[in-house]
């Protein structure tokens, strides 16, 4: 089976490509910080299972409801409600399988200062 090429989900890609989101009111973004308040309510046209993404900046993900299997840097994880996931910068992320009610919140720092552990 042929794999899809990773799509960039860098801070500026998400900030300026407004056509990839149905409901902008469910995300907050300024010069320093980006936050998704509800993935389901936001209605992203970009994210779906089987598509890898390259995240330039680190992420903190909070699972609100549902279950899923995700791959972060080619390592698979089972995720479910009430979990927090910390994703390092320059990660390869893929949603492998998610339940119909899967919802999460996400935050990213444009300058990558919050997620830089060096």
C-alpha atoms as a PDB file:
ATOM      1  CA  UNK A   1       0.000   0.000   0.000  1.00  0.00           C
ATOM      2  CA  UNK A   2       1.371   3.410  -0.965  1.00  0.00           C
ATOM      3  CA  UNK A   3       1.776   5.889   1.902  1.00  0.00           C
ATOM      4  CA  UNK A   4       0.792   9.545   1.692  1.00  0.00           C
ATOM      5  CA  UNK A   5       3.506  12.194   1.969  1.00  0.00           C
ATOM      6  CA  UNK A   6       3.448  14.180   5.240  1.00  0.00           C
ATOM      7  CA  UNK A   7       1.576  17.490   5.216  1.00  0.00           C
ATOM      8  CA  UNK A   8       3.155  20.402   7.086  1.00  0.00           C
ATOM      9  CA  UNK A   9       1.173  21.604  10.104  1.00  0.00           C
ATOM     10  CA  UNK A  10       3.537  24.353  11.175  1.00  0.00           C
ATOM     11  CA  UNK A  11       2.166  27.258  13.195  1.00  0.00           C
ATOM     12  CA  UNK A  12       2.044  29.615  10.194  1.00  0.00           C
ATOM     13  CA  UNK A  13       0.343  26.984   7.999  1.00  0.00           C
ATOM     14  CA  UNK A  14      -2.495  26.687  10.498  1.00  0.00           C
ATOM     15  CA  UNK A  15      -2.657  30.426  11.116  1.00  0.00           C
ATOM     16  CA  UNK A  16      -2.918  31.627   7.531  1.00  0.00           C
ATOM     17  CA  UNK A  17      -4.686  28.790   5.692  1.00  0.00           C
ATOM     18  CA  UNK A  18      -8.197  29.630   6.888  1.00  0.00           C
ATOM     19  CA  UNK A  19      -9.886  27.417   4.298  1.00  0.00           C
ATOM     20  CA  UNK A  20      -8.836  24.227   6.160  1.00  0.00           C
ATOM     21  CA  UNK A  21     -11.166  25.007   9.092  1.00  0.00           C
ATOM     22  CA  UNK A  22     -14.976  25.218   9.057  1.00  0.00           C
ATOM     23  CA  UNK A  23     -15.503  27.060  12.368  1.00  0.00           C
ATOM     24  CA  UNK A  24     -12.718  29.472  13.288  1.00  0.00           C
ATOM     25  CA  UNK A  25     -14.371  30.329  16.609  1.00  0.00           C
ATOM     26  CA  UNK A  26     -13.197  26.973  18.028  1.00  0.00           C
ATOM     27  CA  UNK A  27      -9.540  27.893  17.732  1.00  0.00           C
ATOM     28  CA  UNK A  28      -7.451  30.756  19.058  1.00  0.00           C
ATOM     29  CA  UNK A  29      -4.255  31.944  17.436  1.00  0.00           C
ATOM     30  CA  UNK A  30      -2.034  35.032  17.800  1.00  0.00           C
ATOM     31  CA  UNK A  31       1.651  35.823  17.244  1.00  0.00           C
ATOM     32  CA  UNK A  32       2.806  33.562  20.069  1.00  0.00           C
ATOM     33  CA  UNK A  33       0.259  30.843  20.788  1.00  0.00           C
ATOM     34  CA  UNK A  34      -2.155  28.605  18.926  1.00  0.00           C
ATOM     35  CA  UNK A  35      -4.950  26.651  20.594  1.00  0.00           C
ATOM     36  CA  UNK A  36      -7.681  24.352  19.333  1.00  0.00           C
ATOM     37  CA  UNK A  37     -10.572  24.404  21.783  1.00  0.00           C
ATOM     38  CA  UNK A  38     -12.464  21.495  20.194  1.00  0.00           C
ATOM     39  CA  UNK A  39     -11.256  19.478  17.225  1.00  0.00           C
ATOM     40  CA  UNK A  40     -14.791  18.207  16.463  1.00  0.00           C
ATOM     41  CA  UNK A  41     -16.430  21.638  16.707  1.00  0.00           C
ATOM     42  CA  UNK A  42     -13.671  23.304  14.678  1.00  0.00           C
ATOM     43  CA  UNK A  43     -14.396  20.998  11.739  1.00  0.00           C
ATOM     44  CA  UNK A  44     -10.928  20.618  10.233  1.00  0.00           C
ATOM     45  CA  UNK A  45     -10.814  19.702   6.547  1.00  0.00           C
ATOM     46  CA  UNK A  46      -7.133  18.820   6.860  1.00  0.00           C
ATOM     47  CA  UNK A  47      -6.884  16.097   9.507  1.00  0.00           C
ATOM     48  CA  UNK A  48      -8.025  12.545   8.842  1.00  0.00           C
ATOM     49  CA  UNK A  49      -6.824   9.003   9.465  1.00  0.00           C
ATOM     50  CA  UNK A  50      -4.104   7.601   7.272  1.00  0.00           C
ATOM     51  CA  UNK A  51      -2.495  10.970   6.533  1.00  0.00           C
ATOM     52  CA  UNK A  52       0.892  11.736   8.143  1.00  0.00           C
ATOM     53  CA  UNK A  53       1.619  15.278   9.318  1.00  0.00           C
ATOM     54  CA  UNK A  54       4.894  17.025  10.113  1.00  0.00           C
ATOM     55  CA  UNK A  55       4.577  19.319  13.143  1.00  0.00           C
ATOM     56  CA  UNK A  56       7.374  21.908  13.114  1.00  0.00           C
ATOM     57  CA  UNK A  57       6.579  23.150  16.619  1.00  0.00           C
ATOM     58  CA  UNK A  58       5.882  21.008  19.675  1.00  0.00           C
ATOM     59  CA  UNK A  59       2.319  20.313  20.793  1.00  0.00           C
ATOM     60  CA  UNK A  60       0.435  19.540  23.960  1.00  0.00           C
ATOM     61  CA  UNK A  61      -2.695  17.509  23.243  1.00  0.00           C
ATOM     62  CA  UNK A  62      -5.503  16.888  25.759  1.00  0.00           C
ATOM     63  CA  UNK A  63      -7.921  14.100  24.814  1.00  0.00           C
ATOM     64  CA  UNK A  64     -11.464  15.188  25.723  1.00  0.00           C
ATOM     65  CA  UNK A  65     -13.437  12.100  24.693  1.00  0.00           C
ATOM     66  CA  UNK A  66     -13.246   8.951  22.624  1.00  0.00           C
ATOM     67  CA  UNK A  67     -10.371   6.610  21.894  1.00  0.00           C
ATOM     68  CA  UNK A  68      -7.767   6.268  19.193  1.00  0.00           C
ATOM     69  CA  UNK A  69      -4.506   4.914  17.959  1.00  0.00           C
ATOM     70  CA  UNK A  70      -1.932   7.469  16.877  1.00  0.00           C
ATOM     71  CA  UNK A  71       1.627   7.307  15.657  1.00  0.00           C
ATOM     72  CA  UNK A  72       4.189   9.836  16.845  1.00  0.00           C
ATOM     73  CA  UNK A  73       7.602   9.504  15.202  1.00  0.00           C
ATOM     74  CA  UNK A  74       6.618   6.003  14.007  1.00  0.00           C
ATOM     75  CA  UNK A  75       5.743   4.744  17.517  1.00  0.00           C
ATOM     76  CA  UNK A  76       2.100   3.737  18.024  1.00  0.00           C
ATOM     77  CA  UNK A  77       0.114   4.804  21.085  1.00  0.00           C
ATOM     78  CA  UNK A  78      -3.365   3.969  22.351  1.00  0.00           C
ATOM     79  CA  UNK A  79      -5.061   7.159  23.553  1.00  0.00           C
ATOM     80  CA  UNK A  80      -8.310   7.844  25.383  1.00  0.00           C
ATOM     81  CA  UNK A  81     -10.206  10.544  27.253  1.00  0.00           C
ATOM     82  CA  UNK A  82      -8.397  12.468  30.011  1.00  0.00           C
ATOM     83  CA  UNK A  83      -4.901  11.785  28.688  1.00  0.00           C
ATOM     84  CA  UNK A  84      -2.296  14.439  27.947  1.00  0.00           C
ATOM     85  CA  UNK A  85       0.149  13.888  25.085  1.00  0.00           C
ATOM     86  CA  UNK A  86       3.321  15.941  24.681  1.00  0.00           C
ATOM     87  CA  UNK A  87       4.622  15.946  21.123  1.00  0.00           C
ATOM     88  CA  UNK A  88       8.177  17.220  20.518  1.00  0.00           C
ATOM     89  CA  UNK A  89       9.004  19.660  17.718  1.00  0.00           C
ATOM     90  CA  UNK A  90       9.644  18.298  14.208  1.00  0.00           C
ATOM     91  CA  UNK A  91       7.522  15.226  14.905  1.00  0.00           C
ATOM     92  CA  UNK A  92       5.826  12.996  12.388  1.00  0.00           C
ATOM     93  CA  UNK A  93       2.219  12.440  13.533  1.00  0.00           C
ATOM     94  CA  UNK A  94      -0.475  10.183  12.088  1.00  0.00           C
ATOM     95  CA  UNK A  95      -4.017   9.400  13.225  1.00  0.00           C
ATOM     96  CA  UNK A  96      -4.243   5.656  12.625  1.00  0.00           C
ATOM     97  CA  UNK A  97      -7.710   5.012  14.012  1.00  0.00           C
ATOM     98  CA  UNK A  98     -10.159   7.155  16.013  1.00  0.00           C
ATOM     99  CA  UNK A  99     -13.623   6.582  17.426  1.00  0.00           C
ATOM    100  CA  UNK A 100     -16.502   8.661  15.976  1.00  0.00           C
ATOM    101  CA  UNK A 101     -16.722  10.737  19.177  1.00  0.00           C
ATOM    102  CA  UNK A 102     -12.959  11.450  19.333  1.00  0.00           C
ATOM    103  CA  UNK A 103     -12.283  15.045  20.389  1.00  0.00           C
ATOM    104  CA  UNK A 104      -9.219  16.834  21.680  1.00  0.00           C
ATOM    105  CA  UNK A 105      -7.718  20.187  22.518  1.00  0.00           C
ATOM    106  CA  UNK A 106      -4.271  21.227  21.324  1.00  0.00           C
ATOM    107  CA  UNK A 107      -1.860  24.020  22.043  1.00  0.00           C
ATOM    108  CA  UNK A 108       1.323  25.065  20.266  1.00  0.00           C
ATOM    109  CA  UNK A 109       3.889  27.785  20.827  1.00  0.00           C
ATOM    110  CA  UNK A 110       5.012  29.692  17.730  1.00  0.00           C
ATOM    111  CA  UNK A 111       8.544  30.264  19.015  1.00  0.00           C
ATOM    112  CA  UNK A 112       8.819  26.758  20.465  1.00  0.00           C
ATOM    113  CA  UNK A 113       9.989  28.046  23.846  1.00  0.00           C
ATOM    114  CA  UNK A 114       7.442  26.133  25.935  1.00  0.00           C
ATOM    115  CA  UNK A 115       8.251  22.768  24.313  1.00  0.00           C
ATOM    116  CA  UNK A 116      12.018  23.074  24.069  1.00  0.00           C
ATOM    117  CA  UNK A 117      13.453  20.878  26.835  1.00  0.00           C
ATOM    118  CA  UNK A 118      17.142  21.382  26.047  1.00  0.00           C
END
